[in-house]
PDB file of N, CA and C in Angstrom:
ATOM      1  N   UNK A   1    -167.448 -58.136 299.971  1.00  0.00           N
ATOM      2  CA  UNK A   1    -168.324 -56.872 299.494  1.00  0.00           C
ATOM      3  C   UNK A   1    -169.763 -57.783 299.245  1.00  0.00           C
ATOM      4  N   UNK A   2    -170.796 -56.423 299.650  1.00  0.00           N
ATOM      5  CA  UNK A   2    -172.120 -56.528 299.984  1.00  0.00           C
ATOM      6  C   UNK A   2    -173.082 -56.500 298.713  1.00  0.00           C
ATOM      7  N   UNK A   3    -172.069 -56.737 297.638  1.00  0.00           N
ATOM      8  CA  UNK A   3    -172.881 -56.322 296.039  1.00  0.00           C
ATOM      9  C   UNK A   3    -172.628 -57.541 295.808  1.00  0.00           C
ATOM     10  N   UNK A   4    -173.464 -57.899 294.827  1.00  0.00           N
ATOM     11  CA  UNK A   4    -173.375 -59.568 294.230  1.00  0.00           C
ATOM     12  C   UNK A   4    -173.670 -60.005 292.314  1.00  0.00           C
ATOM     13  N   UNK A   5    -173.330 -59.960 291.804  1.00  0.00           N
ATOM     14  CA  UNK A   5    -173.261 -60.244 290.114  1.00  0.00           C
ATOM     15  C   UNK A   5    -175.057 -60.147 290.140  1.00  0.00           C
ATOM     16  N   UNK A   6    -175.847 -59.791 289.648  1.00  0.00           N
ATOM     17  CA  UNK A   6    -177.013 -60.111 288.844  1.00  0.00           C
ATOM     18  C   UNK A   6    -177.603 -58.890 290.805  1.00  0.00           C
ATOM     19  N   UNK A   7    -176.929 -58.597 291.038  1.00  0.00           N
ATOM     20  CA  UNK A   7    -177.474 -57.787 292.050  1.00  0.00           C
ATOM     21  C   UNK A   7    -178.469 -56.589 291.269  1.00  0.00           C
ATOM     22  N   UNK A   8    -179.562 -55.794 291.367  1.00  0.00           N
ATOM     23  CA  UNK A   8    -179.759 -54.974 290.567  1.00  0.00           C
ATOM     24  C   UNK A   8    -179.648 -53.828 291.481  1.00  0.00           C
ATOM     25  N   UNK A   9    -179.064 -53.094 291.206  1.00  0.00           N
ATOM     26  CA  UNK A   9    -178.040 -52.081 292.117  1.00  0.00           C
ATOM     27  C   UNK A   9    -178.482 -49.959 291.178  1.00  0.00           C
ATOM     28  N   UNK A  10    -178.170 -49.112 292.078  1.00  0.00           N
ATOM     29  CA  UNK A  10    -178.997 -47.600 291.543  1.00  0.00           C
ATOM     30  C   UNK A  10    -177.723 -46.819 291.942  1.00  0.00           C
ATOM     31  N   UNK A  11    -177.396 -45.931 291.410  1.00  0.00           N
ATOM     32  CA  UNK A  11    -176.139 -45.742 291.003  1.00  0.00           C
ATOM     33  C   UNK A  11    -176.754 -43.842 292.463  1.00  0.00           C
ATOM     34  N   UNK A  12    -175.627 -43.922 293.189  1.00  0.00           N
ATOM     35  CA  UNK A  12    -176.532 -42.837 294.340  1.00  0.00           C
ATOM     36  C   UNK A  12    -175.418 -41.694 294.040  1.00  0.00           C
ATOM     37  N   UNK A  13    -174.242 -41.654 293.240  1.00  0.00           N
ATOM     38  CA  UNK A  13    -172.975 -40.761 293.306  1.00  0.00           C
ATOM     39  C   UNK A  13    -172.536 -40.268 291.716  1.00  0.00           C
ATOM     40  N   UNK A  14    -172.250 -39.811 291.618  1.00  0.00           N
ATOM     41  CA  UNK A  14    -171.714 -39.756 290.227  1.00  0.00           C
ATOM     42  C   UNK A  14    -172.368 -39.049 288.927  1.00  0.00           C
ATOM     43  N   UNK A  15    -171.546 -39.047 288.191  1.00  0.00           N
ATOM     44  CA  UNK A  15    -172.516 -38.311 286.493  1.00  0.00           C
ATOM     45  C   UNK A  15    -173.478 -38.905 286.270  1.00  0.00           C
ATOM     46  N   UNK A  16    -173.991 -40.450 286.870  1.00  0.00           N
ATOM     47  CA  UNK A  16    -175.249 -41.212 286.302  1.00  0.00           C
ATOM     48  C   UNK A  16    -176.040 -41.651 287.308  1.00  0.00           C
ATOM     49  N   UNK A  17    -175.779 -40.456 288.080  1.00  0.00           N
ATOM     50  CA  UNK A  17    -176.686 -40.665 289.183  1.00  0.00           C
ATOM     51  C   UNK A  17    -178.569 -40.741 289.155  1.00  0.00           C
ATOM     52  N   UNK A  18    -178.601 -42.108 290.190  1.00  0.00           N
ATOM     53  CA  UNK A  18    -180.447 -42.134 289.723  1.00  0.00           C
ATOM     54  C   UNK A  18    -180.947 -43.409 288.810  1.00  0.00           C
ATOM     55  N   UNK A  19    -180.104 -43.678 287.970  1.00  0.00           N
ATOM     56  CA  UNK A  19    -179.640 -44.571 287.030  1.00  0.00           C
ATOM     57  C   UNK A  19    -179.523 -46.265 287.916  1.00  0.00           C
ATOM     58  N   UNK A  20    -180.100 -46.840 287.237  1.00  0.00           N
ATOM     59  CA  UNK A  20    -180.268 -48.067 287.627  1.00  0.00           C
ATOM     60  C   UNK A  20    -180.153 -49.776 286.511  1.00  0.00           C
ATOM     61  N   UNK A  21    -179.055 -50.247 287.736  1.00  0.00           N
ATOM     62  CA  UNK A  21    -178.882 -51.931 285.532  1.00  0.00           C
ATOM     63  C   UNK A  21    -178.580 -53.271 287.301  1.00  0.00           C
ATOM     64  N   UNK A  22    -178.272 -54.065 286.311  1.00  0.00           N
ATOM     65  CA  UNK A  22    -177.837 -54.780 286.579  1.00  0.00           C
ATOM     66  C   UNK A  22    -176.257 -55.054 287.196  1.00  0.00           C
ATOM     67  N   UNK A  23    -175.731 -55.288 288.242  1.00  0.00           N
ATOM     68  CA  UNK A  23    -174.371 -55.414 288.546  1.00  0.00           C
ATOM     69  C   UNK A  23    -173.536 -57.196 287.404  1.00  0.00           C
ATOM     70  N   UNK A  24    -172.842 -56.930 286.194  1.00  0.00           N
ATOM     71  CA  UNK A  24    -171.803 -57.672 285.538  1.00  0.00           C
ATOM     72  C   UNK A  24    -171.222 -58.448 285.825  1.00  0.00           C
ATOM     73  N   UNK A  25    -170.247 -56.964 286.208  1.00  0.00           N
ATOM     74  CA  UNK A  25    -169.078 -57.910 287.212  1.00  0.00           C
ATOM     75  C   UNK A  25    -168.159 -57.644 288.488  1.00  0.00           C
ATOM     76  N   UNK A  26    -167.979 -58.061 289.116  1.00  0.00           N
ATOM     77  CA  UNK A  26    -167.130 -57.449 290.279  1.00  0.00           C
ATOM     78  C   UNK A  26    -165.571 -57.743 290.534  1.00  0.00           C
ATOM     79  N   UNK A  27    -164.705 -55.886 290.811  1.00  0.00           N
ATOM     80  CA  UNK A  27    -163.653 -56.156 291.297  1.00  0.00           C
ATOM     81  C   UNK A  27    -163.686 -56.858 292.838  1.00  0.00           C
ATOM     82  N   UNK A  28    -163.052 -57.203 293.803  1.00  0.00           N
ATOM     83  CA  UNK A  28    -163.100 -57.333 295.004  1.00  0.00           C
ATOM     84  C   UNK A  28    -161.213 -56.203 295.061  1.00  0.00           C
ATOM     85  N   UNK A  29    -160.587 -56.078 294.940  1.00  0.00           N
ATOM     86  CA  UNK A  29    -158.584 -55.770 294.719  1.00  0.00           C
ATOM     87  C   UNK A  29    -159.554 -54.516 294.531  1.00  0.00           C
ATOM     88  N   UNK A  30    -160.457 -54.156 293.980  1.00  0.00           N
ATOM     89  CA  UNK A  30    -160.005 -52.291 293.082  1.00  0.00           C
ATOM     90  C   UNK A  30    -161.505 -51.779 293.995  1.00  0.00           C
ATOM     91  N   UNK A  31    -162.382 -52.616 294.175  1.00  0.00           N
ATOM     92  CA  UNK A  31    -163.737 -52.293 294.957  1.00  0.00           C
ATOM     93  C   UNK A  31    -164.155 -51.459 293.857  1.00  0.00           C
ATOM     94  N   UNK A  32    -164.411 -52.421 292.652  1.00  0.00           N
ATOM     95  CA  UNK A  32    -165.627 -51.362 291.864  1.00  0.00           C
ATOM     96  C   UNK A  32    -166.343 -52.947 291.011  1.00  0.00           C
ATOM     97  N   UNK A  33    -167.386 -52.022 291.058  1.00  0.00           N
ATOM     98  CA  UNK A  33    -168.350 -52.736 289.563  1.00  0.00           C
ATOM     99  C   UNK A  33    -168.673 -52.015 288.437  1.00  0.00           C
ATOM    100  N   UNK A  34    -169.297 -52.812 287.927  1.00  0.00           N
ATOM    101  CA  UNK A  34    -170.027 -52.705 286.090  1.00  0.00           C
ATOM    102  C   UNK A  34    -171.005 -53.359 286.410  1.00  0.00           C
ATOM    103  N   UNK A  35    -171.841 -52.536 285.848  1.00  0.00           N
ATOM    104  CA  UNK A  35    -173.429 -51.998 286.073  1.00  0.00           C
ATOM    105  C   UNK A  35    -173.758 -51.767 284.857  1.00  0.00           C
ATOM    106  N   UNK A  36    -175.021 -52.780 284.723  1.00  0.00           N
ATOM    107  CA  UNK A  36    -175.300 -52.913 283.190  1.00  0.00           C
ATOM    108  C   UNK A  36    -176.093 -51.430 282.097  1.00  0.00           C
ATOM    109  N   UNK A  37    -175.798 -50.595 281.596  1.00  0.00           N
ATOM    110  CA  UNK A  37    -176.239 -49.336 280.720  1.00  0.00           C
ATOM    111  C   UNK A  37    -175.579 -48.424 282.187  1.00  0.00           C
ATOM    112  N   UNK A  38    -174.398 -48.414 282.439  1.00  0.00           N
ATOM    113  CA  UNK A  38    -174.176 -46.869 283.402  1.00  0.00           C
ATOM    114  C   UNK A  38    -172.557 -47.138 282.851  1.00  0.00           C
ATOM    115  N   UNK A  39    -172.060 -45.456 283.243  1.00  0.00           N
ATOM    116  CA  UNK A  39    -170.556 -45.319 283.271  1.00  0.00           C
ATOM    117  C   UNK A  39    -170.297 -45.921 281.515  1.00  0.00           C
ATOM    118  N   UNK A  40    -170.994 -45.477 280.406  1.00  0.00           N
ATOM    119  CA  UNK A  40    -170.785 -45.490 279.291  1.00  0.00           C
ATOM    120  C   UNK A  40    -169.177 -44.591 278.811  1.00  0.00           C
ATOM    121  N   UNK A  41    -168.746 -45.703 278.521  1.00  0.00           N
ATOM    122  CA  UNK A  41    -167.156 -44.923 277.905  1.00  0.00           C
ATOM    123  C   UNK A  41    -167.172 -45.136 276.575  1.00  0.00           C
ATOM    124  N   UNK A  42    -166.584 -44.916 275.526  1.00  0.00           N
ATOM    125  CA  UNK A  42    -165.888 -44.702 274.216  1.00  0.00           C
ATOM    126  C   UNK A  42    -164.134 -44.436 273.616  1.00  0.00           C
ATOM    127  N   UNK A  43    -164.356 -46.215 272.976  1.00  0.00           N
ATOM    128  CA  UNK A  43    -162.882 -46.209 273.218  1.00  0.00           C
ATOM    129  C   UNK A  43    -162.874 -45.877 271.219  1.00  0.00           C
ATOM    130  N   UNK A  44    -161.551 -45.153 270.464  1.00  0.00           N
ATOM    131  CA  UNK A  44    -161.396 -45.124 269.584  1.00  0.00           C
ATOM    132  C   UNK A  44    -160.892 -46.505 268.768  1.00  0.00           C
ATOM    133  N   UNK A  45    -161.366 -46.799 268.078  1.00  0.00           N
ATOM    134  CA  UNK A  45    -159.648 -48.372 267.380  1.00  0.00           C
ATOM    135  C   UNK A  45    -159.699 -47.160 266.034  1.00  0.00           C
ATOM    136  N   UNK A  46    -157.998 -47.488 266.184  1.00  0.00           N
ATOM    137  CA  UNK A  46    -157.069 -46.273 264.816  1.00  0.00           C
ATOM    138  C   UNK A  46    -157.617 -47.252 263.501  1.00  0.00           C
ATOM    139  N   UNK A  47    -158.422 -47.500 262.382  1.00  0.00           N
ATOM    140  CA  UNK A  47    -158.067 -48.259 261.363  1.00  0.00           C
ATOM    141  C   UNK A  47    -156.216 -48.701 261.139  1.00  0.00           C
ATOM    142  N   UNK A  48    -157.021 -50.441 260.497  1.00  0.00           N
ATOM    143  CA  UNK A  48    -155.459 -50.756 260.342  1.00  0.00           C
ATOM    144  C   UNK A  48    -155.766 -51.587 258.808  1.00  0.00           C
ATOM    145  N   UNK A  49    -154.733 -52.284 258.177  1.00  0.00           N
ATOM    146  CA  UNK A  49    -154.865 -52.249 256.777  1.00  0.00           C
ATOM    147  C   UNK A  49    -155.773 -53.483 256.393  1.00  0.00           C
ATOM    148  N   UNK A  50    -156.155 -54.094 257.442  1.00  0.00           N
ATOM    149  CA  UNK A  50    -157.372 -54.826 257.065  1.00  0.00           C
ATOM    150  C   UNK A  50    -159.281 -54.501 257.172  1.00  0.00           C
ATOM    151  N   UNK A  51    -158.723 -53.027 258.530  1.00  0.00           N
ATOM    152  CA  UNK A  51    -159.932 -52.574 259.278  1.00  0.00           C
ATOM    153  C   UNK A  51    -160.076 -51.420 259.297  1.00  0.00           C
ATOM    154  N   UNK A  52    -161.397 -51.318 259.348  1.00  0.00           N
ATOM    155  CA  UNK A  52    -161.700 -49.891 258.879  1.00  0.00           C
ATOM    156  C   UNK A  52    -161.625 -49.400 260.305  1.00  0.00           C
ATOM    157  N   UNK A  53    -161.451 -48.084 260.447  1.00  0.00           N
ATOM    158  CA  UNK A  53    -161.399 -47.254 262.156  1.00  0.00           C
ATOM    159  C   UNK A  53    -162.718 -47.819 262.846  1.00  0.00           C
ATOM    160  N   UNK A  54    -163.286 -47.738 264.070  1.00  0.00           N
ATOM    161  CA  UNK A  54    -164.654 -47.500 264.954  1.00  0.00           C
ATOM    162  C   UNK A  54    -164.565 -46.926 265.958  1.00  0.00           C
ATOM    163  N   UNK A  55    -165.653 -46.974 266.624  1.00  0.00           N
ATOM    164  CA  UNK A  55    -166.545 -46.800 267.802  1.00  0.00           C
ATOM    165  C   UNK A  55    -166.138 -47.796 269.228  1.00  0.00           C
ATOM    166  N   UNK A  56    -166.551 -47.803 270.002  1.00  0.00           N
ATOM    167  CA  UNK A  56    -166.633 -48.832 270.531  1.00  0.00           C
ATOM    168  C   UNK A  56    -166.597 -48.836 272.156  1.00  0.00           C
ATOM    169  N   UNK A  57    -168.230 -48.384 272.536  1.00  0.00           N
ATOM    170  CA  UNK A  57    -168.851 -48.452 273.537  1.00  0.00           C
ATOM    171  C   UNK A  57    -168.642 -49.667 274.631  1.00  0.00           C
ATOM    172  N   UNK A  58    -168.382 -49.112 275.731  1.00  0.00           N
ATOM    173  CA  UNK A  58    -168.430 -49.673 276.596  1.00  0.00           C
ATOM    174  C   UNK A  58    -168.930 -49.468 278.083  1.00  0.00           C
ATOM    175  N   UNK A  59    -168.966 -50.468 279.385  1.00  0.00           N
ATOM    176  CA  UNK A  59    -169.379 -50.062 280.340  1.00  0.00           C
ATOM    177  C   UNK A  59    -167.946 -50.295 281.185  1.00  0.00           C
ATOM    178  N   UNK A  60    -167.847 -48.870 281.902  1.00  0.00           N
ATOM    179  CA  UNK A  60    -166.709 -48.554 282.975  1.00  0.00           C
ATOM    180  C   UNK A  60    -166.846 -49.097 284.577  1.00  0.00           C
ATOM    181  N   UNK A  61    -165.587 -49.223 284.657  1.00  0.00           N
ATOM    182  CA  UNK A  61    -166.482 -50.016 286.160  1.00  0.00           C
ATOM    183  C   UNK A  61    -166.568 -48.483 287.518  1.00  0.00           C
ATOM    184  N   UNK A  62    -167.593 -48.705 288.646  1.00  0.00           N
ATOM    185  CA  UNK A  62    -167.738 -47.850 289.363  1.00  0.00           C
ATOM    186  C   UNK A  62    -167.516 -48.326 290.608  1.00  0.00           C
ATOM    187  N   UNK A  63    -167.533 -47.457 291.360  1.00  0.00           N
ATOM    188  CA  UNK A  63    -167.088 -48.253 292.513  1.00  0.00           C
ATOM    189  C   UNK A  63    -167.995 -48.309 293.124  1.00  0.00           C
ATOM    190  N   UNK A  64    -167.521 -49.230 294.515  1.00  0.00           N
ATOM    191  CA  UNK A  64    -168.686 -50.220 294.962  1.00  0.00           C
ATOM    192  C   UNK A  64    -169.347 -48.645 295.511  1.00  0.00           C
ATOM    193  N   UNK A  65    -168.795 -47.996 296.039  1.00  0.00           N
ATOM    194  CA  UNK A  65    -169.769 -47.397 297.617  1.00  0.00           C
ATOM    195  C   UNK A  65    -170.681 -46.485 296.434  1.00  0.00           C
ATOM    196  N   UNK A  66    -170.116 -46.498 295.338  1.00  0.00           N
ATOM    197  CA  UNK A  66    -171.318 -45.489 294.983  1.00  0.00           C
ATOM    198  C   UNK A  66    -172.911 -46.183 294.113  1.00  0.00           C
ATOM    199  N   UNK A  67    -173.014 -47.744 294.504  1.00  0.00           N
ATOM    200  CA  UNK A  67    -173.407 -47.695 294.464  1.00  0.00           C
ATOM    201  C   UNK A  67    -174.660 -49.126 295.289  1.00  0.00           C
ATOM    202  N   UNK A  68    -175.980 -48.899 295.723  1.00  0.00           N
ATOM    203  CA  UNK A  68    -176.946 -48.838 296.648  1.00  0.00           C
ATOM    204  C   UNK A  68    -177.289 -50.060 296.358  1.00  0.00           C
ATOM    205  N   UNK A  69    -177.847 -51.212 296.478  1.00  0.00           N
ATOM    206  CA  UNK A  69    -178.963 -52.660 296.189  1.00  0.00           C
ATOM    207  C   UNK A  69    -180.605 -52.226 296.168  1.00  0.00           C
ATOM    208  N   UNK A  70    -181.688 -52.843 295.258  1.00  0.00           N
ATOM    209  CA  UNK A  70    -182.423 -52.106 295.647  1.00  0.00           C
ATOM    210  C   UNK A  70    -183.161 -54.047 296.665  1.00  0.00           C
ATOM    211  N   UNK A  71    -183.760 -53.566 297.003  1.00  0.00           N
ATOM    212  CA  UNK A  71    -184.444 -54.741 297.682  1.00  0.00           C
ATOM    213  C   UNK A  71    -185.341 -54.947 296.534  1.00  0.00           C
ATOM    214  N   UNK A  72    -185.705 -56.490 296.296  1.00  0.00           N
ATOM    215  CA  UNK A  72    -186.655 -57.041 295.308  1.00  0.00           C
ATOM    216  C   UNK A  72    -188.306 -56.968 296.155  1.00  0.00           C
ATOM    217  N   UNK A  73    -188.131 -57.081 297.656  1.00  0.00           N
ATOM    218  CA  UNK A  73    -189.144 -57.075 298.646  1.00  0.00           C
ATOM    219  C   UNK A  73    -189.642 -55.915 298.091  1.00  0.00           C
ATOM    220  N   UNK A  74    -188.906 -55.000 298.782  1.00  0.00           N
ATOM    221  CA  UNK A  74    -190.208 -54.126 299.135  1.00  0.00           C
ATOM    222  C   UNK A  74    -189.429 -52.443 297.657  1.00  0.00           C
ATOM    223  N   UNK A  75    -189.474 -52.932 296.899  1.00  0.00           N
ATOM    224  CA  UNK A  75    -188.524 -52.088 296.383  1.00  0.00           C
ATOM    225  C   UNK A  75    -187.951 -51.163 295.644  1.00  0.00           C
ATOM    226  N   UNK A  76    -187.183 -51.264 297.410  1.00  0.00           N
ATOM    227  CA  UNK A  76    -186.568 -49.364 297.487  1.00  0.00           C
ATOM    228  C   UNK A  76    -185.098 -49.721 297.376  1.00  0.00           C
ATOM    229  N   UNK A  77    -184.583 -48.959 298.106  1.00  0.00           N
ATOM    230  CA  UNK A  77    -183.052 -49.418 298.270  1.00  0.00           C
ATOM    231  C   UNK A  77    -182.688 -48.681 298.844  1.00  0.00           C
ATOM    232  N   UNK A  78    -181.707 -49.836 299.728  1.00  0.00           N
ATOM    233  CA  UNK A  78    -181.015 -50.216 301.186  1.00  0.00           C
ATOM    234  C   UNK A  78    -179.612 -50.768 301.436  1.00  0.00           C
ATOM    235  N   UNK A  79    -180.070 -50.582 302.832  1.00  0.00           N
ATOM    236  CA  UNK A  79    -177.580 -50.654 302.723  1.00  0.00           C
ATOM    237  C   UNK A  79    -178.430 -52.614 303.274  1.00  0.00           C
ATOM    238  N   UNK A  80    -177.432 -53.251 303.748  1.00  0.00           N
ATOM    239  CA  UNK A  80    -177.889 -55.481 303.676  1.00  0.00           C
ATOM    240  C   UNK A  80    -176.558 -55.216 304.335  1.00  0.00           C
ATOM    241  N   UNK A  81    -177.541 -55.983 305.041  1.00  0.00           N
ATOM    242  CA  UNK A  81    -176.444 -56.908 306.805  1.00  0.00           C
ATOM    243  C   UNK A  81    -176.525 -58.265 306.012  1.00  0.00           C
ATOM    244  N   UNK A  82    -175.704 -58.293 307.012  1.00  0.00           N
ATOM    245  CA  UNK A  82    -175.412 -59.567 306.395  1.00  0.00           C
ATOM    246  C   UNK A  82    -175.764 -60.724 308.209  1.00  0.00           C
ATOM    247  N   UNK A  83    -176.561 -61.444 307.680  1.00  0.00           N
ATOM    248  CA  UNK A  83    -176.896 -62.414 309.475  1.00  0.00           C
ATOM    249  C   UNK A  83    -176.026 -64.063 308.882  1.00  0.00           C
ATOM    250  N   UNK A  84    -175.557 -64.471 310.458  1.00  0.00           N
ATOM    251  CA  UNK A  84    -174.936 -65.560 310.504  1.00  0.00           C
ATOM    252  C   UNK A  84    -176.364 -66.400 310.892  1.00  0.00           C
ATOM    253  N   UNK A  85    -176.250 -67.986 309.856  1.00  0.00           N
ATOM    254  CA  UNK A  85    -176.980 -69.103 310.933  1.00  0.00           C
ATOM    255  C   UNK A  85    -177.128 -69.537 311.186  1.00  0.00           C
ATOM    256  N   UNK A  86    -177.223 -70.529 312.002  1.00  0.00           N
ATOM    257  CA  UNK A  86    -177.132 -71.326 312.261  1.00  0.00           C
ATOM    258  C   UNK A  86    -176.094 -72.730 311.685  1.00  0.00           C
ATOM    259  N   UNK A  87    -176.245 -72.733 311.277  1.00  0.00           N
ATOM    260  CA  UNK A  87    -175.905 -73.658 310.008  1.00  0.00           C
ATOM    261  C   UNK A  87    -174.415 -72.418 309.920  1.00  0.00           C
ATOM    262  N   UNK A  88    -173.530 -71.651 310.039  1.00  0.00           N
ATOM    263  CA  UNK A  88    -172.775 -71.325 309.755  1.00  0.00           C
ATOM    264  C   UNK A  88    -172.153 -70.550 308.520  1.00  0.00           C
ATOM    265  N   UNK A  89    -173.943 -69.785 307.878  1.00  0.00           N
ATOM    266  CA  UNK A  89    -174.072 -69.611 306.158  1.00  0.00           C
ATOM    267  C   UNK A  89    -174.021 -68.357 306.554  1.00  0.00           C
ATOM    268  N   UNK A  90    -173.391 -66.740 305.895  1.00  0.00           N
ATOM    269  CA  UNK A  90    -174.016 -65.644 305.377  1.00  0.00           C
ATOM    270  C   UNK A  90    -174.965 -65.896 305.153  1.00  0.00           C
ATOM    271  N   UNK A  91    -176.217 -64.456 305.486  1.00  0.00           N
ATOM    272  CA  UNK A  91    -177.479 -64.520 304.589  1.00  0.00           C
ATOM    273  C   UNK A  91    -177.676 -63.385 304.622  1.00  0.00           C
ATOM    274  N   UNK A  92    -177.774 -62.880 303.582  1.00  0.00           N
ATOM    275  CA  UNK A  92    -178.108 -61.081 303.203  1.00  0.00           C
ATOM    276  C   UNK A  92    -179.226 -61.080 303.402  1.00  0.00           C
ATOM    277  N   UNK A  93    -178.877 -59.307 304.007  1.00  0.00           N
ATOM    278  CA  UNK A  93    -181.230 -59.381 304.688  1.00  0.00           C
ATOM    279  C   UNK A  93    -181.173 -57.907 304.042  1.00  0.00           C
ATOM    280  N   UNK A  94    -182.149 -57.441 303.854  1.00  0.00           N
ATOM    281  CA  UNK A  94    -182.391 -56.200 303.893  1.00  0.00           C
ATOM    282  C   UNK A  94    -182.456 -55.125 305.326  1.00  0.00           C
ATOM    283  N   UNK A  95    -182.021 -53.503 304.951  1.00  0.00           N
ATOM    284  CA  UNK A  95    -181.914 -53.229 306.896  1.00  0.00           C
ATOM    285  C   UNK A  95    -183.635 -52.143 307.032  1.00  0.00           C
ATOM    286  N   UNK A  96    -184.258 -52.472 306.359  1.00  0.00           N
ATOM    287  CA  UNK A  96    -185.769 -51.665 305.964  1.00  0.00           C
ATOM    288  C   UNK A  96    -186.734 -52.799 305.319  1.00  0.00           C
ATOM    289  N   UNK A  97    -186.830 -53.978 305.269  1.00  0.00           N
ATOM    290  CA  UNK A  97    -187.920 -54.909 306.022  1.00  0.00           C
ATOM    291  C   UNK A  97    -187.343 -55.833 306.093  1.00  0.00           C
ATOM    292  N   UNK A  98    -186.309 -56.467 306.396  1.00  0.00           N
ATOM    293  CA  UNK A  98    -185.847 -57.561 307.181  1.00  0.00           C
ATOM    294  C   UNK A  98    -186.052 -58.729 306.247  1.00  0.00           C
ATOM    295  N   UNK A  99    -186.398 -58.543 304.631  1.00  0.00           N
ATOM    296  CA  UNK A  99    -186.262 -60.001 304.123  1.00  0.00           C
ATOM    297  C   UNK A  99    -184.988 -60.406 303.081  1.00  0.00           C
ATOM    298  N   UNK A 100    -184.406 -60.892 303.383  1.00  0.00           N
ATOM    299  CA  UNK A 100    -183.444 -62.237 303.253  1.00  0.00           C
ATOM    300  C   UNK A 100    -182.884 -61.039 301.236  1.00  0.00           C
ATOM    301  N   UNK A 101    -181.775 -61.208 300.838  1.00  0.00           N
ATOM    302  CA  UNK A 101    -182.235 -60.708 299.735  1.00  0.00           C
ATOM    303  C   UNK A 101    -182.439 -61.752 298.525  1.00  0.00           C
ATOM    304  N   UNK A 102    -181.284 -62.753 299.109  1.00  0.00           N
ATOM    305  CA  UNK A 102    -180.904 -63.772 298.434  1.00  0.00           C
ATOM    306  C   UNK A 102    -180.867 -65.604 299.217  1.00  0.00           C
ATOM    307  N   UNK A 103    -180.695 -66.610 298.252  1.00  0.00           N
ATOM    308  CA  UNK A 103    -181.255 -68.069 299.100  1.00  0.00           C
ATOM    309  C   UNK A 103    -179.337 -67.567 299.502  1.00  0.00           C
ATOM    310  N   UNK A 104    -179.087 -68.803 301.251  1.00  0.00           N
ATOM    311  CA  UNK A 104    -177.688 -69.064 301.590  1.00  0.00           C
ATOM    312  C   UNK A 104    -177.339 -70.026 300.078  1.00  0.00           C
ATOM    313  N   UNK A 105    -175.879 -69.608 299.919  1.00  0.00           N
ATOM    314  CA  UNK A 105    -175.469 -70.386 299.130  1.00  0.00           C
ATOM    315  C   UNK A 105    -173.942 -70.922 299.457  1.00  0.00           C
ATOM    316  N   UNK A 106    -173.520 -71.965 298.972  1.00  0.00           N
ATOM    317  CA  UNK A 106    -171.856 -72.165 299.461  1.00  0.00           C
ATOM    318  C   UNK A 106    -171.381 -71.570 297.464  1.00  0.00           C
ATOM    319  N   UNK A 107    -170.540 -71.524 298.241  1.00  0.00           N
ATOM    320  CA  UNK A 107    -169.657 -71.213 297.010  1.00  0.00           C
ATOM    321  C   UNK A 107    -168.542 -72.952 296.516  1.00  0.00           C
ATOM    322  N   UNK A 108    -168.860 -72.905 295.238  1.00  0.00           N
ATOM    323  CA  UNK A 108    -167.884 -73.693 294.940  1.00  0.00           C
ATOM    324  C   UNK A 108    -166.638 -73.684 294.929  1.00  0.00           C
ATOM    325  N   UNK A 109    -165.526 -75.107 294.628  1.00  0.00           N
ATOM    326  CA  UNK A 109    -163.604 -74.616 295.384  1.00  0.00           C
ATOM    327  C   UNK A 109    -163.282 -74.884 293.910  1.00  0.00           C
ATOM    328  N   UNK A 110    -163.082 -74.460 293.311  1.00  0.00           N
ATOM    329  CA  UNK A 110    -162.103 -74.065 292.092  1.00  0.00           C
ATOM    330  C   UNK A 110    -161.071 -74.267 292.880  1.00  0.00           C
ATOM    331  N   UNK A 111    -160.177 -75.132 291.614  1.00  0.00           N
ATOM    332  CA  UNK A 111    -158.134 -75.206 291.950  1.00  0.00           C
ATOM    333  C   UNK A 111    -157.652 -73.818 291.857  1.00  0.00           C
ATOM    334  N   UNK A 112    -156.554 -73.756 291.807  1.00  0.00           N
ATOM    335  CA  UNK A 112    -156.308 -72.160 291.224  1.00  0.00           C
ATOM    336  C   UNK A 112    -155.115 -72.948 290.462  1.00  0.00           C
ATOM    337  N   UNK A 113    -155.320 -71.962 289.750  1.00  0.00           N
ATOM    338  CA  UNK A 113    -154.146 -72.617 288.561  1.00  0.00           C
ATOM    339  C   UNK A 113    -153.202 -72.005 288.677  1.00  0.00           C
TER     340      UNK A 113
END
């Protein structure tokens, strides 16, 4: 997926079209992203013995195809290209201004549980 956590994105389709926000979480399997203050849902919690009933508002996932990255350099909504460096690392590049979107990074290897 060409969208990463903490990317500034804009929703391009759906009921929240035109809203901007930061990506909070990604789901590679389902191809969805959770964007801050976008696609707000309300969950009703039934009262129980020790607690009163309440409404919880949360951000629901949005399909990754419905959001586009906002380039921090040119401040435009853009597609993302991947440039392969000589070292073999991949770097994301803005299609409109050809500037890098972020620094190349190495993923930390973690042990699977």
